[in-house]
Amino acid sequence: EESQLTRVLLSEKLGRTAEVKAALERTLALAPGDIEALSRLGRLLAEEGDERAESLLSKAAEEGEPGAVYTFILARLMEKKGKGSEAAKLFERSLESGLSGHDMLIAREALKRSKAQ
């Protein structure tokens, strides 16, 4: 499993998205609850606008703590689908998990909007 993760990381650095997705899908075939694989594949699919992203990121969140960035991505997906209360909880969770930079600002603004409603 560690060599698989090494391959994923190397392929990501080289911009080989198809290889990364294939490696993550192989990892999930062997370990369906792998939070890292669920999160990374969910992020890639979200970037492509693939509907499967939400279910992968949700499963990662159910399995444990996927990390601030992945929780933020799931929050954005929920917000786009009009699931405001779910999105707000996830934005809050991503901030509590240490979200930083531009994403942190977006999350804070989204929380302000949800509280104003």
Protein backbone atom coordinates (compact mmCIF):
# COMPACT_ATOMS: atom_id res chain seq x y z
CA GLU A 1 0.00 0.00 0.00
CA GLU A 2 2.88 2.40 0.74
CA SER A 3 4.43 1.85 -2.70
CA GLN A 4 1.01 2.61 -4.19
CA LEU A 5 0.90 5.92 -2.28
CA THR A 6 4.43 6.73 -3.44
CA ARG A 7 3.32 6.17 -7.04
CA VAL A 8 0.30 8.40 -6.51
CA LEU A 9 2.42 11.21 -5.08
CA LEU A 10 5.01 10.96 -7.86
CA SER A 11 2.32 10.89 -10.56
CA GLU A 12 0.61 13.92 -8.98
CA LYS A 13 3.87 15.87 -9.06
CA LEU A 14 4.33 14.98 -12.71
CA GLY A 15 0.77 16.00 -13.57
CA ARG A 16 -0.29 12.52 -14.64
CA THR A 17 -3.90 12.74 -13.58
CA ALA A 18 -5.06 9.57 -15.35
CA GLU A 19 -2.33 7.54 -13.63
CA VAL A 20 -3.17 9.09 -10.27
CA LYS A 21 -6.86 8.27 -10.66
CA ALA A 22 -6.09 4.70 -11.70
CA ALA A 23 -3.75 4.18 -8.75
CA LEU A 24 -6.28 5.62 -6.32
CA GLU A 25 -9.03 3.43 -7.75
CA ARG A 26 -6.78 0.36 -7.32
CA THR A 27 -6.11 1.38 -3.74
CA LEU A 28 -9.83 1.71 -3.07
CA ALA A 29 -10.50 -1.70 -4.62
CA LEU A 30 -8.13 -3.17 -2.02
CA ALA A 31 -9.04 -0.86 0.86
CA PRO A 32 -12.46 0.76 0.30
CA GLY A 33 -12.24 2.83 3.49
CA ASP A 34 -8.81 4.36 2.82
CA ILE A 35 -9.36 7.99 3.82
CA GLU A 36 -6.34 9.28 1.87
CA ALA A 37 -7.39 7.56 -1.36
CA LEU A 38 -11.04 8.59 -0.96
CA SER A 39 -10.03 12.18 -0.32
CA ARG A 40 -7.49 12.48 -3.12
CA LEU A 41 -9.72 10.82 -5.72
CA GLY A 42 -12.67 12.91 -4.55
CA ARG A 43 -10.63 16.09 -4.99
CA LEU A 44 -9.52 15.10 -8.50
CA LEU A 45 -13.08 14.26 -9.53
CA ALA A 46 -14.39 17.52 -8.02
CA GLU A 47 -11.87 19.45 -10.11
CA GLU A 48 -13.27 17.69 -13.18
CA GLY A 49 -16.88 18.30 -12.17
CA ASP A 50 -17.53 14.58 -11.75
CA GLU A 51 -20.62 13.81 -9.65
CA ARG A 52 -18.83 10.90 -7.91
CA ALA A 53 -16.69 13.41 -5.98
CA GLU A 54 -19.39 14.09 -3.40
CA SER A 55 -19.88 10.44 -2.48
CA LEU A 56 -16.12 9.80 -2.18
CA LEU A 57 -15.51 12.87 -0.03
CA SER A 58 -18.58 12.09 2.09
CA LYS A 59 -17.34 8.57 2.66
CA ALA A 60 -13.90 9.90 3.64
CA ALA A 61 -15.61 12.19 6.16
CA GLU A 62 -17.61 9.24 7.53
CA GLU A 63 -14.48 7.08 7.86
CA GLY A 64 -12.56 9.69 9.85
CA GLU A 65 -10.98 13.10 9.39
CA PRO A 66 -10.06 13.58 5.71
CA GLY A 67 -8.29 16.89 6.32
CA ALA A 68 -9.20 20.54 6.12
CA VAL A 69 -8.83 20.96 2.35
CA TYR A 70 -10.88 17.89 1.47
CA THR A 71 -13.59 18.88 3.95
CA PHE A 72 -13.60 22.35 2.37
CA ILE A 73 -14.02 20.84 -1.12
CA LEU A 74 -16.96 18.78 0.10
CA ALA A 75 -18.47 21.91 1.68
CA ARG A 76 -18.20 23.73 -1.66
CA LEU A 77 -19.92 20.84 -3.43
CA MET A 78 -22.74 20.89 -0.86
CA GLU A 79 -23.07 24.66 -1.20
CA LYS A 80 -23.37 24.40 -4.99
CA LYS A 81 -26.14 21.81 -4.57
CA GLY A 82 -28.08 24.14 -2.30
CA LYS A 83 -27.42 22.12 0.86
CA GLY A 84 -26.62 25.18 2.94
CA SER A 85 -26.81 23.75 6.45
CA GLU A 86 -24.63 20.75 5.54
CA ALA A 87 -22.18 23.05 3.78
CA ALA A 88 -22.00 25.38 6.80
CA LYS A 89 -21.14 22.48 9.13
CA LEU A 90 -18.42 21.34 6.76
CA PHE A 91 -17.00 24.85 6.31
CA GLU A 92 -16.86 25.15 10.09
CA ARG A 93 -15.18 21.75 10.39
CA SER A 94 -12.60 22.65 7.74
CA LEU A 95 -11.75 25.87 9.60
CA GLU A 96 -11.45 23.97 12.89
CA SER A 97 -9.12 21.52 11.13
CA GLY A 98 -6.72 24.30 10.17
CA LEU A 99 -7.83 25.46 6.75
CA SER A 100 -5.64 28.35 5.63
CA GLY A 101 -4.99 30.78 2.81
CA HIS A 102 -7.58 31.76 0.24
CA ASP A 103 -9.75 28.74 1.06
CA MET A 104 -9.97 29.93 4.67
CA LEU A 105 -11.31 33.30 3.50
CA ILE A 106 -13.89 31.62 1.26
CA ALA A 107 -15.01 29.36 4.12
CA ARG A 108 -15.38 32.32 6.49
CA GLU A 109 -17.44 34.26 3.94
CA ALA A 110 -19.65 31.25 3.31
CA LEU A 111 -20.30 30.92 7.05
CA LYS A 112 -21.19 34.62 7.27
CA ARG A 113 -23.66 34.18 4.41
CA SER A 114 -25.24 31.12 6.01
CA LYS A 115 -25.66 32.89 9.36
CA ALA A 116 -27.22 35.92 7.66
CA GLN A 117 -29.97 33.76 6.15
